[in-house]
Amino acid sequence: MADLGHDPGAIIGVWAAKTAGAFAGVGVSLIYLLPKSRREAASRFATGVTCGLIFGGPTGLWLAERLGISGLLSGAETMLAGSAAASLCAWWVLGALSRVAERYGGRR
């Protein structure tokens, strides 16, 4: 992956790719299985975007290495894919925990 150095244009591009990937992952996750309430939608949205922005870089690098395509992708493509994957995975975990808590978390 290219060295970003101190080039502001490259850094802005990477952050734009991270943000676009995080929002894409959240969008897919919310459309794939619609939330039951506004509260669930808001919590999944916030968690997905946050995890996409934080873990997008490492996830993108890990995916590129696992797939053997690290030399074929630009830094922005790696960030975009990683942020979307991290965002989507965060939704899966939160969505699953929400459903389990709803089912078994009732007061007795």
N, C-alpha and C. Protein backbone atom coordinates (compact mmCIF):
# COMPACT_ATOMS: atom_id res chain seq x y z
N MET A 1 0.85 -1.17 0.00
CA MET A 1 0.00 0.00 0.00
C MET A 1 0.89 1.23 0.00
N ALA A 2 0.43 2.28 -0.62
CA ALA A 2 1.23 3.49 -0.76
C ALA A 2 1.40 4.20 0.57
N ASP A 3 2.55 4.84 0.72
CA ASP A 3 2.83 5.64 1.90
C ASP A 3 2.07 6.95 1.77
N LEU A 4 1.26 7.28 2.75
CA LEU A 4 0.45 8.50 2.69
C LEU A 4 1.28 9.73 2.99
N GLY A 5 2.32 9.58 3.79
CA GLY A 5 3.19 10.70 4.12
C GLY A 5 2.41 11.87 4.70
N HIS A 6 2.73 13.07 4.22
CA HIS A 6 2.06 14.27 4.71
C HIS A 6 1.23 14.93 3.64
N ASP A 7 0.85 14.20 2.62
CA ASP A 7 0.05 14.74 1.53
C ASP A 7 -1.40 14.88 1.99
N PRO A 8 -1.91 16.12 2.16
CA PRO A 8 -3.28 16.29 2.63
C PRO A 8 -4.31 15.71 1.67
N GLY A 9 -4.04 15.73 0.38
CA GLY A 9 -4.99 15.18 -0.58
C GLY A 9 -5.19 13.69 -0.41
N ALA A 10 -4.10 12.97 -0.14
CA ALA A 10 -4.20 11.53 0.06
C ALA A 10 -4.95 11.20 1.34
N ILE A 11 -4.68 11.97 2.37
CA ILE A 11 -5.34 11.71 3.66
C ILE A 11 -6.84 11.99 3.55
N ILE A 12 -7.21 13.05 2.86
CA ILE A 12 -8.63 13.36 2.67
C ILE A 12 -9.30 12.27 1.85
N GLY A 13 -8.60 11.76 0.83
CA GLY A 13 -9.15 10.68 0.02
C GLY A 13 -9.37 9.40 0.81
N VAL A 14 -8.44 9.08 1.67
CA VAL A 14 -8.57 7.88 2.49
C VAL A 14 -9.73 8.03 3.47
N TRP A 15 -9.86 9.21 4.09
CA TRP A 15 -10.97 9.42 5.01
C TRP A 15 -12.31 9.41 4.28
N ALA A 16 -12.33 9.93 3.07
CA ALA A 16 -13.57 9.89 2.27
C ALA A 16 -13.93 8.44 1.94
N ALA A 17 -12.92 7.64 1.59
CA ALA A 17 -13.17 6.22 1.30
C ALA A 17 -13.64 5.48 2.55
N LYS A 18 -13.03 5.77 3.69
CA LYS A 18 -13.47 5.14 4.94
C LYS A 18 -14.92 5.49 5.25
N THR A 19 -15.25 6.77 5.11
CA THR A 19 -16.62 7.22 5.42
C THR A 19 -17.62 6.61 4.45
N ALA A 20 -17.30 6.61 3.16
CA ALA A 20 -18.21 6.03 2.17
C ALA A 20 -18.40 4.54 2.42
N GLY A 21 -17.33 3.82 2.76
CA GLY A 21 -17.43 2.40 3.06
C GLY A 21 -18.27 2.13 4.29
N ALA A 22 -18.07 2.93 5.33
CA ALA A 22 -18.85 2.74 6.56
C ALA A 22 -20.34 2.96 6.30
N PHE A 23 -20.67 4.02 5.55
CA PHE A 23 -22.08 4.28 5.24
C PHE A 23 -22.66 3.21 4.31
N ALA A 24 -21.87 2.71 3.38
CA ALA A 24 -22.34 1.64 2.49
C ALA A 24 -22.63 0.37 3.29
N GLY A 25 -21.73 0.03 4.20
CA GLY A 25 -21.96 -1.15 5.03
C GLY A 25 -23.20 -1.04 5.89
N VAL A 26 -23.41 0.14 6.46
CA VAL A 26 -24.61 0.36 7.27
C VAL A 26 -25.86 0.29 6.40
N GLY A 27 -25.79 0.89 5.23
CA GLY A 27 -26.95 0.87 4.33
C GLY A 27 -27.35 -0.54 3.94
N VAL A 28 -26.36 -1.35 3.58
CA VAL A 28 -26.64 -2.74 3.22
C VAL A 28 -27.21 -3.49 4.41
N SER A 29 -26.65 -3.27 5.58
CA SER A 29 -27.11 -4.01 6.75
C SER A 29 -28.53 -3.63 7.15
N LEU A 30 -28.88 -2.37 7.01
CA LEU A 30 -30.23 -1.95 7.38
C LEU A 30 -31.26 -2.40 6.34
N ILE A 31 -30.87 -2.48 5.08
CA ILE A 31 -31.78 -2.93 4.04
C ILE A 31 -31.94 -4.45 4.07
N TYR A 32 -30.85 -5.16 4.37
CA TYR A 32 -30.86 -6.61 4.36
C TYR A 32 -31.89 -7.17 5.35
N LEU A 33 -31.88 -6.65 6.54
CA LEU A 33 -32.86 -7.05 7.55
C LEU A 33 -33.33 -5.78 8.25
N LEU A 34 -34.55 -5.40 7.96
CA LEU A 34 -35.06 -4.14 8.50
C LEU A 34 -35.15 -4.20 10.02
N PRO A 35 -34.77 -3.12 10.68
CA PRO A 35 -34.86 -3.09 12.15
C PRO A 35 -36.32 -3.05 12.59
N LYS A 36 -36.55 -3.52 13.80
CA LYS A 36 -37.92 -3.56 14.33
C LYS A 36 -38.36 -2.22 14.91
N SER A 37 -37.42 -1.40 15.30
CA SER A 37 -37.78 -0.11 15.90
C SER A 37 -36.78 0.95 15.47
N ARG A 38 -37.15 2.20 15.71
CA ARG A 38 -36.24 3.30 15.41
C ARG A 38 -35.01 3.26 16.30
N ARG A 39 -35.21 2.83 17.52
CA ARG A 39 -34.08 2.74 18.46
C ARG A 39 -33.06 1.72 17.98
N GLU A 40 -33.54 0.56 17.52
CA GLU A 40 -32.64 -0.46 17.00
C GLU A 40 -31.92 0.05 15.75
N ALA A 41 -32.64 0.74 14.89
CA ALA A 41 -32.02 1.29 13.67
C ALA A 41 -30.94 2.32 14.02
N ALA A 42 -31.22 3.18 14.97
CA ALA A 42 -30.26 4.21 15.36
C ALA A 42 -29.02 3.59 16.00
N SER A 43 -29.21 2.61 16.84
CA SER A 43 -28.06 1.99 17.51
C SER A 43 -27.22 1.20 16.51
N ARG A 44 -27.85 0.51 15.57
CA ARG A 44 -27.10 -0.21 14.55
C ARG A 44 -26.38 0.75 13.62
N PHE A 45 -27.02 1.86 13.28
CA PHE A 45 -26.39 2.86 12.42
C PHE A 45 -25.15 3.44 13.09
N ALA A 46 -25.30 3.87 14.33
CA ALA A 46 -24.17 4.48 15.05
C ALA A 46 -23.03 3.48 15.24
N THR A 47 -23.36 2.26 15.61
CA THR A 47 -22.33 1.26 15.82
C THR A 47 -21.64 0.90 14.51
N GLY A 48 -22.40 0.76 13.44
CA GLY A 48 -21.82 0.41 12.15
C GLY A 48 -20.89 1.47 11.61
N VAL A 49 -21.30 2.73 11.68
CA VAL A 49 -20.45 3.81 11.19
C VAL A 49 -19.19 3.93 12.04
N THR A 50 -19.34 3.85 13.34
CA THR A 50 -18.18 3.95 14.23
C THR A 50 -17.19 2.82 13.98
N CYS A 51 -17.67 1.60 13.92
CA CYS A 51 -16.77 0.47 13.68
C CYS A 51 -16.15 0.53 12.29
N GLY A 52 -16.91 0.99 11.31
CA GLY A 52 -16.36 1.12 9.96
C GLY A 52 -15.23 2.13 9.90
N LEU A 53 -15.38 3.24 10.61
CA LEU A 53 -14.33 4.25 10.62
C LEU A 53 -13.11 3.82 11.42
N ILE A 54 -13.33 3.15 12.53
CA ILE A 54 -12.22 2.75 13.39
C ILE A 54 -11.48 1.54 12.83
N PHE A 55 -12.20 0.52 12.43
CA PHE A 55 -11.58 -0.74 12.03
C PHE A 55 -11.50 -0.95 10.53
N GLY A 56 -11.84 0.07 9.73
CA GLY A 56 -11.82 -0.06 8.28
C GLY A 56 -10.44 -0.35 7.71
N GLY A 57 -9.44 0.34 8.20
CA GLY A 57 -8.08 0.14 7.71
C GLY A 57 -7.55 -1.26 7.96
N PRO A 58 -7.53 -1.69 9.23
CA PRO A 58 -7.04 -3.04 9.50
C PRO A 58 -7.86 -4.13 8.82
N THR A 59 -9.16 -3.95 8.76
CA THR A 59 -10.01 -4.95 8.11
C THR A 59 -9.71 -5.02 6.61
N GLY A 60 -9.54 -3.86 5.99
CA GLY A 60 -9.21 -3.83 4.56
C GLY A 60 -7.88 -4.49 4.26
N LEU A 61 -6.88 -4.21 5.10
CA LEU A 61 -5.58 -4.85 4.91
C LEU A 61 -5.66 -6.35 5.11
N TRP A 62 -6.38 -6.78 6.12
CA TRP A 62 -6.54 -8.21 6.39
C TRP A 62 -7.25 -8.90 5.24
N LEU A 63 -8.33 -8.29 4.75
CA LEU A 63 -9.05 -8.89 3.62
C LEU A 63 -8.19 -8.98 2.37
N ALA A 64 -7.47 -7.92 2.07
CA ALA A 64 -6.62 -7.91 0.88
C ALA A 64 -5.53 -8.97 0.98
N GLU A 65 -4.95 -9.14 2.14
CA GLU A 65 -3.92 -10.16 2.33
C GLU A 65 -4.50 -11.56 2.22
N ARG A 66 -5.66 -11.77 2.84
CA ARG A 66 -6.30 -13.10 2.80
C ARG A 66 -6.71 -13.48 1.39
N LEU A 67 -7.15 -12.50 0.61
CA LEU A 67 -7.58 -12.78 -0.76
C LEU A 67 -6.42 -12.75 -1.75
N GLY A 68 -5.26 -12.31 -1.31
CA GLY A 68 -4.09 -12.27 -2.17
C GLY A 68 -4.13 -11.17 -3.23
N ILE A 69 -4.82 -10.08 -2.93
CA ILE A 69 -4.95 -9.00 -3.91
C ILE A 69 -4.39 -7.68 -3.38
N SER A 70 -3.54 -7.75 -2.39
CA SER A 70 -3.04 -6.52 -1.77
C SER A 70 -2.26 -5.66 -2.74
N GLY A 71 -1.56 -6.24 -3.70
CA GLY A 71 -0.80 -5.47 -4.67
C GLY A 71 -1.66 -4.88 -5.78
N LEU A 72 -2.90 -5.31 -5.88
CA LEU A 72 -3.78 -4.87 -6.95
C LEU A 72 -4.69 -3.72 -6.56
N LEU A 73 -4.82 -3.44 -5.27
CA LEU A 73 -5.74 -2.41 -4.78
C LEU A 73 -5.00 -1.15 -4.36
N SER A 74 -5.64 -0.02 -4.59
CA SER A 74 -5.10 1.24 -4.08
C SER A 74 -5.46 1.37 -2.60
N GLY A 75 -4.88 2.35 -1.95
CA GLY A 75 -5.19 2.58 -0.54
C GLY A 75 -6.65 2.91 -0.32
N ALA A 76 -7.21 3.72 -1.21
CA ALA A 76 -8.62 4.10 -1.07
C ALA A 76 -9.54 2.89 -1.25
N GLU A 77 -9.22 2.01 -2.19
CA GLU A 77 -10.04 0.81 -2.40
C GLU A 77 -9.96 -0.12 -1.21
N THR A 78 -8.78 -0.23 -0.64
CA THR A 78 -8.61 -1.07 0.54
C THR A 78 -9.41 -0.52 1.71
N MET A 79 -9.37 0.80 1.90
CA MET A 79 -10.14 1.43 2.98
C MET A 79 -11.64 1.30 2.76
N LEU A 80 -12.08 1.49 1.53
CA LEU A 80 -13.50 1.38 1.21
C LEU A 80 -14.03 -0.01 1.51
N ALA A 81 -13.33 -1.02 1.02
CA ALA A 81 -13.76 -2.40 1.25
C ALA A 81 -13.68 -2.77 2.73
N GLY A 82 -12.62 -2.36 3.39
CA GLY A 82 -12.46 -2.68 4.81
C GLY A 82 -13.51 -2.01 5.68
N SER A 83 -13.81 -0.75 5.39
CA SER A 83 -14.82 -0.04 6.18
C SER A 83 -16.20 -0.63 5.98
N ALA A 84 -16.51 -1.00 4.74
CA ALA A 84 -17.82 -1.62 4.48
C ALA A 84 -17.92 -2.96 5.19
N ALA A 85 -16.87 -3.76 5.14
CA ALA A 85 -16.89 -5.07 5.81
C ALA A 85 -16.98 -4.93 7.32
N ALA A 86 -16.21 -4.01 7.89
CA ALA A 86 -16.24 -3.82 9.35
C ALA A 86 -17.61 -3.31 9.79
N SER A 87 -18.18 -2.42 9.02
CA SER A 87 -19.49 -1.88 9.35
C SER A 87 -20.56 -2.97 9.29
N LEU A 88 -20.51 -3.78 8.26
CA LEU A 88 -21.48 -4.86 8.10
C LEU A 88 -21.33 -5.90 9.20
N CYS A 89 -20.10 -6.24 9.56
CA CYS A 89 -19.89 -7.23 10.63
C CYS A 89 -20.33 -6.70 11.98
N ALA A 90 -20.11 -5.42 12.23
CA ALA A 90 -20.56 -4.83 13.49
C ALA A 90 -22.06 -4.91 13.59
N TRP A 91 -22.75 -4.69 12.46
CA TRP A 91 -24.21 -4.79 12.47
C TRP A 91 -24.64 -6.20 12.79
N TRP A 92 -23.98 -7.19 12.21
CA TRP A 92 -24.36 -8.57 12.47
C TRP A 92 -24.28 -8.88 13.95
N VAL A 93 -23.19 -8.48 14.58
CA VAL A 93 -23.00 -8.76 16.01
C VAL A 93 -24.06 -8.04 16.83
N LEU A 94 -24.25 -6.75 16.56
CA LEU A 94 -25.24 -5.99 17.32
C LEU A 94 -26.66 -6.50 17.06
N GLY A 95 -26.96 -6.81 15.81
CA GLY A 95 -28.30 -7.32 15.47
C GLY A 95 -28.57 -8.65 16.15
N ALA A 96 -27.59 -9.54 16.14
CA ALA A 96 -27.76 -10.84 16.78
C ALA A 96 -27.93 -10.69 18.29
N LEU A 97 -27.09 -9.85 18.90
CA LEU A 97 -27.22 -9.64 20.34
C LEU A 97 -28.55 -9.00 20.70
N SER A 98 -29.03 -8.10 19.87
CA SER A 98 -30.31 -7.46 20.11
C SER A 98 -31.45 -8.47 20.07
N ARG A 99 -31.42 -9.36 19.10
CA ARG A 99 -32.47 -10.38 18.98
C ARG A 99 -32.43 -11.36 20.16
N VAL A 100 -31.22 -11.75 20.56
CA VAL A 100 -31.09 -12.67 21.69
C VAL A 100 -31.57 -12.00 22.97
N ALA A 101 -31.19 -10.75 23.17
CA ALA A 101 -31.62 -10.02 24.37
C ALA A 101 -33.13 -9.85 24.39
N GLU A 102 -33.70 -9.60 23.23
CA GLU A 102 -35.16 -9.43 23.16
C GLU A 102 -35.88 -10.73 23.50
N ARG A 103 -35.32 -11.83 23.02
CA ARG A 103 -35.97 -13.12 23.23
C ARG A 103 -35.82 -13.62 24.66
N TYR A 104 -34.60 -13.53 25.19
CA TYR A 104 -34.33 -14.13 26.50
C TYR A 104 -34.18 -13.12 27.62
N GLY A 105 -34.29 -11.85 27.33
CA GLY A 105 -34.05 -10.82 28.34
C GLY A 105 -35.30 -10.32 29.03
N GLY A 106 -36.42 -11.01 28.87
CA GLY A 106 -37.66 -10.56 29.50
C GLY A 106 -37.61 -10.66 31.00
N ARG A 107 -38.35 -9.78 31.63
CA ARG A 107 -38.42 -9.82 33.11
C ARG A 107 -39.33 -10.94 33.55
N ARG A 108 -38.94 -11.56 34.64
CA ARG A 108 -39.71 -12.71 35.15
C ARG A 108 -40.44 -12.32 36.41
